[in-house]
Amino acid sequence: MKLSVIVPCYNVSTYVGKCLDSIIDNNIDDMEIIAINDGSTDNTLSILKTYKKKYPKLIKIIDEENSGLSMARNAGLKVAKGEYISFIDSDDYIEKDMYKTMLKKANHSFDIVICGVNMVYPSYTKKISSGLNGDILNMESAKTIMNNWFTAIWNKIFKKEILNNIEFKKGIWYEDVEFLYRLLPKITTVGVVDGYYYNYIQRMDSITYTYNHKLYDLIDNFDGILEYYQKNNLYHNYKDELEYGYVRYLYGTFIKRLAKMKNKKEFKKGYKIVKQKVKTHFPKYQKNKYLTGKKGLYLKYFNYPLAMLIYYTQKNKMN
């Protein structure tokens, strides 16, 4: 089988039909769709069964008690038979040529193939590139991809063999980042296709715009990533990339997400935590070779006044 598409589903009765239709419309002969009902309490399972009845050879349903997105994806991975694996969030949808284009590229034996993303907001759409300017053809070049590409799993297809012994961590936010960093040492080649094929729906009730203490999972995840690389004797070889990623996500992504929560007291607390974390793990990070350009200047000179500027400029933005 060429492709397995893993679709975790939890209370998405409003969206899952459009998602499944978009996958089916790709018209890939040698494909399976694995839909995991993660203990939905709405009409999601009934909708999945309707699609299963209509496409009995194409769609598989795994019906489980609610255990979260990561475990639902892991359940799909356990039964997937495809040479390549794709993950689609059930409230998103894809363009009809996505898999045809990406599988054609994958025939050149890439470990991963990546495409651009449409960020679909209520009143407009924003195109986000894959972040890579061209194909990655060796492991040394692959070391840098986490610094550049769009860090999500759903705009990519993965060769199944590189996913062996890699699973999603249970019960965390930003599980994509954690997963991809642990996968990084296994990646040698990445194929890039032109075009924006994945439609990522932006909703105000998503985790990006709703405060929850689990935002701090982003910090815990990176501490765990450092431990993983040290435990597996990978740290020395990837030290520059880990250092840059750690600072980028704590001073960049975490601070920006925390600003959107519109809680100044919590924001100030988070600022102090990330400053101490970076000081503990990477006290000389300013010398990192990847700290170039405008983003590098922001990270290199990140301080309290700059953090508060981010707070006031980002707290009401939806992006």
C-alpha atoms as a PDB file:
ATOM      1  CA  MET A   1       0.000   0.000   0.000  1.00  0.00           C
ATOM      2  CA  LYS A   2       1.318   3.410  -0.952  1.00  0.00           C
ATOM      3  CA  LEU A   3      -0.308   5.743   1.589  1.00  0.00           C
ATOM      4  CA  SER A   4      -2.013   5.610   4.985  1.00  0.00           C
ATOM      5  CA  VAL A   5      -3.899   8.740   6.069  1.00  0.00           C
ATOM      6  CA  ILE A   6      -4.419   8.947   9.850  1.00  0.00           C
ATOM      7  CA  VAL A   7      -7.350  11.133  10.951  1.00  0.00           C
ATOM      8  CA  PRO A   8      -7.951  11.554  14.726  1.00  0.00           C
ATOM      9  CA  CYS A   9     -11.540  12.606  15.424  1.00  0.00           C
ATOM     10  CA  TYR A  10     -12.992  14.116  18.579  1.00  0.00           C
ATOM     11  CA  ASN A  11     -16.352  15.929  18.506  1.00  0.00           C
ATOM     12  CA  VAL A  12     -15.875  17.161  14.930  1.00  0.00           C
ATOM     13  CA  SER A  13     -19.278  16.357  13.459  1.00  0.00           C
ATOM     14  CA  THR A  14     -19.386  19.846  11.892  1.00  0.00           C
ATOM     15  CA  TYR A  15     -16.063  19.401  10.084  1.00  0.00           C
ATOM     16  CA  VAL A  16     -15.187  15.742   9.573  1.00  0.00           C
ATOM     17  CA  GLY A  17     -17.315  15.235   6.455  1.00  0.00           C
ATOM     18  CA  LYS A  18     -15.491  17.984   4.582  1.00  0.00           C
ATOM     19  CA  CYS A  19     -12.168  16.588   5.787  1.00  0.00           C
ATOM     20  CA  LEU A  20     -12.903  13.051   4.590  1.00  0.00           C
ATOM     21  CA  ASP A  21     -14.344  14.278   1.286  1.00  0.00           C
ATOM     22  CA  SER A  22     -11.165  16.224   0.589  1.00  0.00           C
ATOM     23  CA  ILE A  23      -9.021  13.127   1.196  1.00  0.00           C
ATOM     24  CA  ILE A  24     -11.266  10.906  -0.910  1.00  0.00           C
ATOM     25  CA  ASP A  25     -11.282  13.499  -3.732  1.00  0.00           C
ATOM     26  CA  ASN A  26      -7.525  13.014  -4.049  1.00  0.00           C
ATOM     27  CA  ASN A  27      -8.479   9.791  -5.809  1.00  0.00           C
ATOM     28  CA  ILE A  28      -5.416   7.781  -4.795  1.00  0.00           C
ATOM     29  CA  ASP A  29      -5.948   4.122  -5.658  1.00  0.00           C
ATOM     30  CA  ASP A  30      -3.499   2.538  -3.248  1.00  0.00           C
ATOM     31  CA  MET A  31      -4.556   4.357  -0.064  1.00  0.00           C
ATOM     32  CA  GLU A  32      -6.253   3.738   3.268  1.00  0.00           C
ATOM     33  CA  ILE A  33      -7.946   6.259   5.554  1.00  0.00           C
ATOM     34  CA  ILE A  34      -7.691   5.376   9.242  1.00  0.00           C
ATOM     35  CA  ALA A  35     -10.232   7.389  11.231  1.00  0.00           C
ATOM     36  CA  ILE A  36      -9.830   7.188  15.005  1.00  0.00           C
ATOM     37  CA  ASN A  37     -12.927   8.146  16.991  1.00  0.00           C
ATOM     38  CA  ASP A  38     -11.419   9.405  20.231  1.00  0.00           C
ATOM     39  CA  GLY A  39     -14.459   8.994  22.468  1.00  0.00           C
ATOM     40  CA  SER A  40     -16.579  11.620  20.730  1.00  0.00           C
ATOM     41  CA  THR A  41     -19.813  12.602  22.478  1.00  0.00           C
ATOM     42  CA  ASP A  42     -21.436  14.191  19.423  1.00  0.00           C
ATOM     43  CA  ASN A  43     -22.397  12.648  16.069  1.00  0.00           C
ATOM     44  CA  THR A  44     -18.832  12.069  14.866  1.00  0.00           C
ATOM     45  CA  LEU A  45     -18.863   8.260  15.078  1.00  0.00           C
ATOM     46  CA  SER A  46     -22.164   8.054  13.209  1.00  0.00           C
ATOM     47  CA  ILE A  47     -20.721  10.159  10.400  1.00  0.00           C
ATOM     48  CA  LEU A  48     -17.618   7.966  10.249  1.00  0.00           C
ATOM     49  CA  LYS A  49     -19.793   4.859   9.986  1.00  0.00           C
ATOM     50  CA  THR A  50     -21.727   6.428   7.116  1.00  0.00           C
ATOM     51  CA  TYR A  51     -18.489   7.006   5.215  1.00  0.00           C
ATOM     52  CA  LYS A  52     -17.304   3.504   6.083  1.00  0.00           C
ATOM     53  CA  LYS A  53     -20.496   2.049   4.621  1.00  0.00           C
ATOM     54  CA  LYS A  54     -20.030   4.048   1.432  1.00  0.00           C
ATOM     55  CA  TYR A  55     -16.278   3.327   1.125  1.00  0.00           C
ATOM     56  CA  PRO A  56     -15.773  -0.031   2.904  1.00  0.00           C
ATOM     57  CA  LYS A  57     -12.389  -0.821   1.337  1.00  0.00           C
ATOM     58  CA  LEU A  58     -10.994   2.674   1.769  1.00  0.00           C
ATOM     59  CA  ILE A  59     -11.921   3.638   5.319  1.00  0.00           C
ATOM     60  CA  LYS A  60     -11.028   1.935   8.596  1.00  0.00           C
ATOM     61  CA  ILE A  61     -12.525   3.058  11.903  1.00  0.00           C
ATOM     62  CA  ILE A  62     -10.863   2.683  15.288  1.00  0.00           C
ATOM     63  CA  ASP A  63     -13.327   3.458  18.074  1.00  0.00           C
ATOM     64  CA  GLU A  64     -11.648   4.210  21.413  1.00  0.00           C
ATOM     65  CA  GLU A  65     -12.313   5.847  24.744  1.00  0.00           C
ATOM     66  CA  ASN A  66     -11.124   9.429  24.864  1.00  0.00           C
ATOM     67  CA  SER A  67      -7.353   9.513  25.372  1.00  0.00           C
ATOM     68  CA  GLY A  68      -6.294  12.605  23.439  1.00  0.00           C
ATOM     69  CA  LEU A  69      -4.844  13.515  20.075  1.00  0.00           C
ATOM     70  CA  SER A  70      -1.435  11.927  20.577  1.00  0.00           C
ATOM     71  CA  MET A  71      -2.792   8.518  21.560  1.00  0.00           C
ATOM     72  CA  ALA A  72      -5.302   8.593  18.712  1.00  0.00           C
ATOM     73  CA  ARG A  73      -2.479   9.189  16.240  1.00  0.00           C
ATOM     74  CA  ASN A  74      -0.442   6.404  17.858  1.00  0.00           C
ATOM     75  CA  ALA A  75      -3.399   4.043  17.474  1.00  0.00           C
ATOM     76  CA  GLY A  76      -3.478   4.834  13.766  1.00  0.00           C
ATOM     77  CA  LEU A  77       0.268   4.313  13.431  1.00  0.00           C
ATOM     78  CA  LYS A  78       0.016   0.836  14.934  1.00  0.00           C
ATOM     79  CA  VAL A  79      -2.259  -0.433  12.150  1.00  0.00           C
ATOM     80  CA  ALA A  80      -1.070   1.695   9.217  1.00  0.00           C
ATOM     81  CA  LYS A  81       0.123  -0.348   6.231  1.00  0.00           C
ATOM     82  CA  GLY A  82       1.222   2.395   3.855  1.00  0.00           C
ATOM     83  CA  GLU A  83       4.742   2.962   2.620  1.00  0.00           C
ATOM     84  CA  TYR A  84       4.090   6.609   3.468  1.00  0.00           C
ATOM     85  CA  ILE A  85       2.091   8.029   6.360  1.00  0.00           C
ATOM     86  CA  SER A  86       0.069  11.246   6.445  1.00  0.00           C
ATOM     87  CA  PHE A  87      -1.648  12.886   9.418  1.00  0.00           C
ATOM     88  CA  ILE A  88      -4.702  15.089   8.864  1.00  0.00           C
ATOM     89  CA  ASP A  89      -6.557  16.970  11.603  1.00  0.00           C
ATOM     90  CA  SER A  90     -10.255  16.256  11.243  1.00  0.00           C
ATOM     91  CA  ASP A  91     -11.341  19.909  11.330  1.00  0.00           C
ATOM     92  CA  ASP A  92      -9.043  20.766   8.395  1.00  0.00           C
ATOM     93  CA  TYR A  93      -9.145  19.761   4.733  1.00  0.00           C
ATOM     94  CA  ILE A  94      -6.731  19.335   1.830  1.00  0.00           C
ATOM     95  CA  GLU A  95      -6.593  20.257  -1.833  1.00  0.00           C
ATOM     96  CA  LYS A  96      -7.467  17.525  -4.330  1.00  0.00           C
ATOM     97  CA  ASP A  97      -3.974  17.314  -5.844  1.00  0.00           C
ATOM     98  CA  MET A  98      -2.062  17.179  -2.551  1.00  0.00           C
ATOM     99  CA  TYR A  99      -1.312  13.467  -2.380  1.00  0.00           C
ATOM    100  CA  LYS A 100      -0.837  12.974  -6.113  1.00  0.00           C
ATOM    101  CA  THR A 101       1.777  15.733  -6.115  1.00  0.00           C
ATOM    102  CA  MET A 102       3.522  14.636  -2.921  1.00  0.00           C
ATOM    103  CA  LEU A 103       3.603  10.935  -3.768  1.00  0.00           C
ATOM    104  CA  LYS A 104       5.055  11.721  -7.177  1.00  0.00           C
ATOM    105  CA  LYS A 105       7.840  13.575  -5.412  1.00  0.00           C
ATOM    106  CA  ALA A 106       8.212  10.766  -2.884  1.00  0.00           C
ATOM    107  CA  ASN A 107       8.977   8.301  -5.665  1.00  0.00           C
ATOM    108  CA  HIS A 108      12.478   9.708  -5.517  1.00  0.00           C
ATOM    109  CA  SER A 109      12.781   7.947  -2.144  1.00  0.00           C
ATOM    110  CA  PHE A 110      12.592  10.971   0.127  1.00  0.00           C
ATOM    111  CA  ASP A 111      12.139  10.305   3.832  1.00  0.00           C
ATOM    112  CA  ILE A 112       9.648  13.176   4.035  1.00  0.00           C
ATOM    113  CA  VAL A 113       7.820  15.316   1.486  1.00  0.00           C
ATOM    114  CA  ILE A 114       6.523  18.739   2.524  1.00  0.00           C
ATOM    115  CA  CYS A 115       4.157  21.330   1.036  1.00  0.00           C
ATOM    116  CA  GLY A 116       2.874  24.838   1.783  1.00  0.00           C
ATOM    117  CA  VAL A 117      -0.123  25.655   3.996  1.00  0.00           C
ATOM    118  CA  ASN A 118      -3.217  27.836   3.684  1.00  0.00           C
ATOM    119  CA  MET A 119      -4.052  29.406   7.050  1.00  0.00           C
ATOM    120  CA  VAL A 120      -7.828  29.793   6.691  1.00  0.00           C
ATOM    121  CA  TYR A 121      -9.175  32.573   8.921  1.00  0.00           C
ATOM    122  CA  PRO A 122     -12.868  33.553   9.176  1.00  0.00           C
ATOM    123  CA  SER A 123     -12.512  36.393   6.666  1.00  0.00           C
ATOM    124  CA  TYR A 124      -9.301  35.707   4.740  1.00  0.00           C
ATOM    125  CA  THR A 125      -6.649  33.120   3.874  1.00  0.00           C
ATOM    126  CA  LYS A 126      -2.916  33.497   4.427  1.00  0.00           C
ATOM    127  CA  LYS A 127      -0.401  31.379   2.526  1.00  0.00           C
ATOM    128  CA  ILE A 128       2.534  29.979   4.505  1.00  0.00           C
ATOM    129  CA  SER A 129       5.414  28.381   2.646  1.00  0.00           C
ATOM    130  CA  SER A 130       6.936  25.076   3.681  1.00  0.00           C
ATOM    131  CA  GLY A 131       9.938  27.061   4.897  1.00  0.00           C
ATOM    132  CA  LEU A 132      12.428  25.080   2.810  1.00  0.00           C
ATOM    133  CA  ASN A 133      13.859  26.582  -0.370  1.00  0.00           C
ATOM    134  CA  GLY A 134      14.723  23.260  -1.958  1.00  0.00           C
ATOM    135  CA  ASP A 135      15.183  19.539  -1.441  1.00  0.00           C
ATOM    136  CA  ILE A 136      17.356  18.248   1.400  1.00  0.00           C
ATOM    137  CA  LEU A 137      19.645  15.487   0.178  1.00  0.00           C
ATOM    138  CA  ASN A 138      21.885  14.521   3.102  1.00  0.00           C
ATOM    139  CA  MET A 139      21.841  14.232   6.888  1.00  0.00           C
ATOM    140  CA  GLU A 140      24.127  17.204   7.479  1.00  0.00           C
ATOM    141  CA  SER A 141      21.712  19.477   5.627  1.00  0.00           C
ATOM    142  CA  ALA A 142      18.750  17.797   7.327  1.00  0.00           C
ATOM    143  CA  LYS A 143      20.087  18.900  10.723  1.00  0.00           C
ATOM    144  CA  THR A 144      18.956  22.438   9.942  1.00  0.00           C
ATOM    145  CA  ILE A 145      15.366  21.779   8.864  1.00  0.00           C
ATOM    146  CA  MET A 146      13.843  22.310  12.321  1.00  0.00           C
ATOM    147  CA  ASN A 147      15.191  25.868  12.155  1.00  0.00           C
ATOM    148  CA  ASN A 148      13.366  26.601   8.925  1.00  0.00           C
ATOM    149  CA  TRP A 149      10.370  24.483   8.021  1.00  0.00           C
ATOM    150  CA  PHE A 150       6.753  24.882   9.093  1.00  0.00           C
ATOM    151  CA  THR A 151       6.710  22.797  12.268  1.00  0.00           C
ATOM    152  CA  ALA A 152       3.579  20.703  11.907  1.00  0.00           C
ATOM    153  CA  ILE A 153       3.087  17.108  10.877  1.00  0.00           C
ATOM    154  CA  TRP A 154       0.025  17.533   8.664  1.00  0.00           C
ATOM    155  CA  ASN A 155       1.665  19.273   5.688  1.00  0.00           C
ATOM    156  CA  LYS A 156       4.040  16.353   5.289  1.00  0.00           C
ATOM    157  CA  ILE A 157       4.063  12.707   4.292  1.00  0.00           C
ATOM    158  CA  PHE A 158       6.532  10.430   6.091  1.00  0.00           C
ATOM    159  CA  LYS A 159       8.209   7.249   4.949  1.00  0.00           C
ATOM    160  CA  LYS A 160       6.861   4.718   7.420  1.00  0.00           C
ATOM    161  CA  GLU A 161      10.227   3.097   8.123  1.00  0.00           C
ATOM    162  CA  ILE A 162      11.651   6.274   9.693  1.00  0.00           C
ATOM    163  CA  LEU A 163       8.749   6.353  12.186  1.00  0.00           C
ATOM    164  CA  ASN A 164       9.738   3.049  13.796  1.00  0.00           C
ATOM    165  CA  ASN A 165       9.945   3.433  17.595  1.00  0.00           C
ATOM    166  CA  ILE A 166       8.770   7.064  17.400  1.00  0.00           C
ATOM    167  CA  GLU A 167       5.386   7.862  18.936  1.00  0.00           C
ATOM    168  CA  PHE A 168       3.521  10.971  19.995  1.00  0.00           C
ATOM    169  CA  LYS A 169       3.851  11.879  23.655  1.00  0.00           C
ATOM    170  CA  LYS A 170       0.601  11.467  25.545  1.00  0.00           C
ATOM    171  CA  GLY A 171      -1.421  14.358  26.906  1.00  0.00           C
ATOM    172  CA  ILE A 172       0.673  17.328  25.814  1.00  0.00           C
ATOM    173  CA  TRP A 173       0.214  20.437  23.723  1.00  0.00           C
ATOM    174  CA  TYR A 174       2.616  21.113  20.825  1.00  0.00           C
ATOM    175  CA  GLU A 175       3.066  17.398  20.349  1.00  0.00           C
ATOM    176  CA  ASP A 176       4.055  17.989  16.695  1.00  0.00           C
ATOM    177  CA  VAL A 177       7.214  19.871  17.687  1.00  0.00           C
ATOM    178  CA  GLU A 178       8.173  17.272  20.287  1.00  0.00           C
ATOM    179  CA  PHE A 179       7.589  14.434  17.794  1.00  0.00           C
ATOM    180  CA  LEU A 180       9.544  16.067  14.969  1.00  0.00           C
ATOM    181  CA  TYR A 181      12.566  16.872  17.127  1.00  0.00           C
ATOM    182  CA  ARG A 182      12.827  13.236  18.206  1.00  0.00           C
ATOM    183  CA  LEU A 183      12.436  12.186  14.579  1.00  0.00           C
ATOM    184  CA  LEU A 184      15.106  14.590  13.324  1.00  0.00           C
ATOM    185  CA  PRO A 185      18.151  12.291  13.744  1.00  0.00           C
ATOM    186  CA  LYS A 186      16.460   9.729  11.471  1.00  0.00           C
ATOM    187  CA  ILE A 187      15.906  12.174   8.617  1.00  0.00           C
ATOM    188  CA  THR A 188      18.325  12.186   5.687  1.00  0.00           C
ATOM    189  CA  THR A 189      16.271  13.520   2.766  1.00  0.00           C
ATOM    190  CA  VAL A 190      13.300  15.883   2.425  1.00  0.00           C
ATOM    191  CA  GLY A 191      11.468  16.611  -0.803  1.00  0.00           C
ATOM    192  CA  VAL A 192       9.787  19.990  -1.272  1.00  0.00           C
ATOM    193  CA  VAL A 193       6.797  20.509  -3.564  1.00  0.00           C
ATOM    194  CA  ASP A 194       5.541  23.853  -4.788  1.00  0.00           C
ATOM    195  CA  GLY A 195       2.007  24.790  -3.877  1.00  0.00           C
ATOM    196  CA  TYR A 196      -0.202  25.253  -0.826  1.00  0.00           C
ATOM    197  CA  TYR A 197      -2.147  22.046  -0.373  1.00  0.00           C
ATOM    198  CA  TYR A 198      -3.099  21.864   3.300  1.00  0.00           C
ATOM    199  CA  ASN A 199      -5.938  24.044   4.608  1.00  0.00           C
ATOM    200  CA  TYR A 200      -5.440  24.781   8.295  1.00  0.00           C
ATOM    201  CA  ILE A 201      -8.641  26.173   9.793  1.00  0.00           C
ATOM    202  CA  GLN A 202      -8.142  28.915  12.384  1.00  0.00           C
ATOM    203  CA  ARG A 203     -10.789  28.943  15.124  1.00  0.00           C
ATOM    204  CA  MET A 204     -10.946  31.171  18.181  1.00  0.00           C
ATOM    205  CA  ASP A 205     -11.503  28.151  20.449  1.00  0.00           C
ATOM    206  CA  SER A 206      -8.222  26.544  19.390  1.00  0.00           C
ATOM    207  CA  ILE A 207      -5.370  26.192  21.872  1.00  0.00           C
ATOM    208  CA  THR A 208      -3.577  29.089  20.205  1.00  0.00           C
ATOM    209  CA  TYR A 209      -6.145  31.539  21.502  1.00  0.00           C
ATOM    210  CA  THR A 210      -7.313  29.952  24.764  1.00  0.00           C
ATOM    211  CA  TYR A 211      -5.227  30.244  27.927  1.00  0.00           C
ATOM    212  CA  ASN A 212      -4.411  27.036  29.674  1.00  0.00           C
ATOM    213  CA  HIS A 213      -1.480  26.202  31.898  1.00  0.00           C
ATOM    214  CA  LYS A 214      -0.649  23.453  29.398  1.00  0.00           C
ATOM    215  CA  LEU A 215       0.971  26.148  27.300  1.00  0.00           C
ATOM    216  CA  TYR A 216       3.932  25.393  29.563  1.00  0.00           C
ATOM    217  CA  ASP A 217       4.098  21.968  27.893  1.00  0.00           C
ATOM    218  CA  LEU A 218       6.172  23.732  25.257  1.00  0.00           C
ATOM    219  CA  ILE A 219       8.909  24.298  27.832  1.00  0.00           C
ATOM    220  CA  ASP A 220       8.596  20.832  29.368  1.00  0.00           C
ATOM    221  CA  ASN A 221       8.708  19.293  25.892  1.00  0.00           C
ATOM    222  CA  PHE A 222      12.006  20.978  25.095  1.00  0.00           C
ATOM    223  CA  ASP A 223      13.527  19.958  28.404  1.00  0.00           C
ATOM    224  CA  GLY A 224      12.508  16.401  27.489  1.00  0.00           C
ATOM    225  CA  ILE A 225      13.992  16.772  24.008  1.00  0.00           C
ATOM    226  CA  LEU A 226      17.351  17.763  25.497  1.00  0.00           C
ATOM    227  CA  GLU A 227      17.225  14.705  27.763  1.00  0.00           C
ATOM    228  CA  TYR A 228      16.340  12.477  24.788  1.00  0.00           C
ATOM    229  CA  TYR A 229      19.345  13.671  22.769  1.00  0.00           C
ATOM    230  CA  GLN A 230      21.669  13.295  25.753  1.00  0.00           C
ATOM    231  CA  LYS A 231      20.385   9.817  26.574  1.00  0.00           C
ATOM    232  CA  ASN A 232      20.843   8.647  22.996  1.00  0.00           C
ATOM    233  CA  ASN A 233      24.315  10.187  22.575  1.00  0.00           C
ATOM    234  CA  LEU A 234      23.033  12.653  19.989  1.00  0.00           C
ATOM    235  CA  TYR A 235      23.423  15.891  21.905  1.00  0.00           C
ATOM    236  CA  HIS A 236      26.944  16.800  20.835  1.00  0.00           C
ATOM    237  CA  ASN A 237      26.162  16.367  17.140  1.00  0.00           C
ATOM    238  CA  TYR A 238      22.985  18.471  17.335  1.00  0.00           C
ATOM    239  CA  LYS A 239      23.983  20.952  20.048  1.00  0.00           C
ATOM    240  CA  ASP A 240      23.809  24.068  17.841  1.00  0.00           C
ATOM    241  CA  GLU A 241      20.413  23.081  16.438  1.00  0.00           C
ATOM    242  CA  LEU A 242      18.994  22.234  19.867  1.00  0.00           C
ATOM    243  CA  GLU A 243      20.306  25.455  21.375  1.00  0.00           C
ATOM    244  CA  TYR A 244      18.791  27.570  18.619  1.00  0.00           C
ATOM    245  CA  GLY A 245      15.493  25.677  18.754  1.00  0.00           C
ATOM    246  CA  TYR A 246      15.273  25.970  22.529  1.00  0.00           C
ATOM    247  CA  VAL A 247      15.786  29.732  22.483  1.00  0.00           C
ATOM    248  CA  ARG A 248      13.584  30.239  19.429  1.00  0.00           C
ATOM    249  CA  TYR A 249      10.616  28.404  20.901  1.00  0.00           C
ATOM    250  CA  LEU A 250      10.884  29.819  24.417  1.00  0.00           C
ATOM    251  CA  TYR A 251      11.635  33.436  23.496  1.00  0.00           C
ATOM    252  CA  GLY A 252       9.604  33.331  20.286  1.00  0.00           C
ATOM    253  CA  THR A 253       6.695  30.895  20.153  1.00  0.00           C
ATOM    254  CA  PHE A 254       6.035  30.617  23.896  1.00  0.00           C
ATOM    255  CA  ILE A 255       6.192  34.363  24.533  1.00  0.00           C
ATOM    256  CA  LYS A 256       3.993  35.136  21.516  1.00  0.00           C
ATOM    257  CA  ARG A 257       1.406  32.519  22.501  1.00  0.00           C
ATOM    258  CA  LEU A 258       1.427  33.681  26.109  1.00  0.00           C
ATOM    259  CA  ALA A 259       0.809  37.266  24.969  1.00  0.00           C
ATOM    260  CA  LYS A 260      -2.379  36.187  23.186  1.00  0.00           C
ATOM    261  CA  MET A 261      -3.806  34.962  26.488  1.00  0.00           C
ATOM    262  CA  LYS A 262      -4.222  38.621  27.573  1.00  0.00           C
ATOM    263  CA  ASN A 263      -3.103  37.941  31.149  1.00  0.00           C
ATOM    264  CA  LYS A 264      -0.326  40.368  32.062  1.00  0.00           C
ATOM    265  CA  LYS A 265       0.453  38.740  35.419  1.00  0.00           C
ATOM    266  CA  GLU A 266       0.827  35.313  33.802  1.00  0.00           C
ATOM    267  CA  PHE A 267       2.848  36.838  30.987  1.00  0.00           C
ATOM    268  CA  LYS A 268       5.371  38.368  33.397  1.00  0.00           C
ATOM    269  CA  LYS A 269       5.624  35.054  35.226  1.00  0.00           C
ATOM    270  CA  GLY A 270       6.255  33.225  31.954  1.00  0.00           C
ATOM    271  CA  TYR A 271       8.919  35.739  30.947  1.00  0.00           C
ATOM    272  CA  LYS A 272      10.882  35.082  34.157  1.00  0.00           C
ATOM    273  CA  ILE A 273      10.608  31.311  33.666  1.00  0.00           C
ATOM    274  CA  VAL A 274      11.923  31.272  30.097  1.00  0.00           C
ATOM    275  CA  LYS A 275      14.769  33.642  30.926  1.00  0.00           C
ATOM    276  CA  GLN A 276      15.883  31.344  33.742  1.00  0.00           C
ATOM    277  CA  LYS A 277      15.479  28.212  31.603  1.00  0.00           C
ATOM    278  CA  VAL A 278      17.664  29.579  28.813  1.00  0.00           C
ATOM    279  CA  LYS A 279      20.249  30.811  31.312  1.00  0.00           C
ATOM    280  CA  THR A 280      20.397  27.344  32.880  1.00  0.00           C
ATOM    281  CA  HIS A 281      20.697  25.280  29.700  1.00  0.00           C
ATOM    282  CA  PHE A 282      22.390  27.646  27.259  1.00  0.00           C
ATOM    283  CA  PRO A 283      24.085  30.553  29.069  1.00  0.00           C
ATOM    284  CA  LYS A 284      26.214  31.414  26.011  1.00  0.00           C
ATOM    285  CA  TYR A 285      23.498  30.999  23.381  1.00  0.00           C
ATOM    286  CA  GLN A 286      24.196  34.466  21.895  1.00  0.00           C
ATOM    287  CA  LYS A 287      27.175  32.896  20.102  1.00  0.00           C
ATOM    288  CA  ASN A 288      24.972  30.344  18.285  1.00  0.00           C
ATOM    289  CA  LYS A 289      25.777  30.240  14.573  1.00  0.00           C
ATOM    290  CA  TYR A 290      22.104  30.351  13.586  1.00  0.00           C
ATOM    291  CA  LEU A 291      21.432  33.709  15.248  1.00  0.00           C
ATOM    292  CA  THR A 292      21.488  35.743  12.056  1.00  0.00           C
ATOM    293  CA  GLY A 293      19.095  38.219  10.442  1.00  0.00           C
ATOM    294  CA  LYS A 294      16.252  40.067  12.172  1.00  0.00           C
ATOM    295  CA  LYS A 295      15.027  37.001  14.033  1.00  0.00           C
ATOM    296  CA  GLY A 296      18.533  36.417  15.322  1.00  0.00           C
ATOM    297  CA  LEU A 297      18.729  39.958  16.641  1.00  0.00           C
ATOM    298  CA  TYR A 298      15.408  39.551  18.458  1.00  0.00           C
ATOM    299  CA  LEU A 299      16.529  36.339  20.142  1.00  0.00           C
ATOM    300  CA  LYS A 300      20.047  37.544  20.907  1.00  0.00           C
ATOM    301  CA  TYR A 301      18.877  40.718  22.653  1.00  0.00           C
ATOM    302  CA  PHE A 302      15.585  39.482  24.096  1.00  0.00           C
ATOM    303  CA  ASN A 303      14.800  41.319  27.349  1.00  0.00           C
ATOM    304  CA  TYR A 304      11.884  42.548  29.471  1.00  0.00           C
ATOM    305  CA  PRO A 305      11.048  45.729  27.490  1.00  0.00           C
ATOM    306  CA  LEU A 306      11.053  43.735  24.260  1.00  0.00           C
ATOM    307  CA  ALA A 307       8.856  41.069  25.857  1.00  0.00           C
ATOM    308  CA  MET A 308       6.309  43.700  26.944  1.00  0.00           C
ATOM    309  CA  LEU A 309       6.303  45.147  23.431  1.00  0.00           C
ATOM    310  CA  ILE A 310       5.425  41.680  22.161  1.00  0.00           C
ATOM    311  CA  TYR A 311       2.655  41.453  24.764  1.00  0.00           C
ATOM    312  CA  TYR A 312       0.959  44.686  23.696  1.00  0.00           C
ATOM    313  CA  THR A 313       1.327  44.085  19.955  1.00  0.00           C
ATOM    314  CA  GLN A 314       0.317  40.413  19.929  1.00  0.00           C
ATOM    315  CA  LYS A 315      -2.400  40.002  22.547  1.00  0.00           C
ATOM    316  CA  ASN A 316      -5.294  40.864  20.222  1.00  0.00           C
ATOM    317  CA  LYS A 317      -3.986  39.368  16.999  1.00  0.00           C
ATOM    318  CA  MET A 318      -5.413  36.182  15.494  1.00  0.00           C
ATOM    319  CA  ASN A 319      -2.453  34.568  13.759  1.00  0.00           C
END
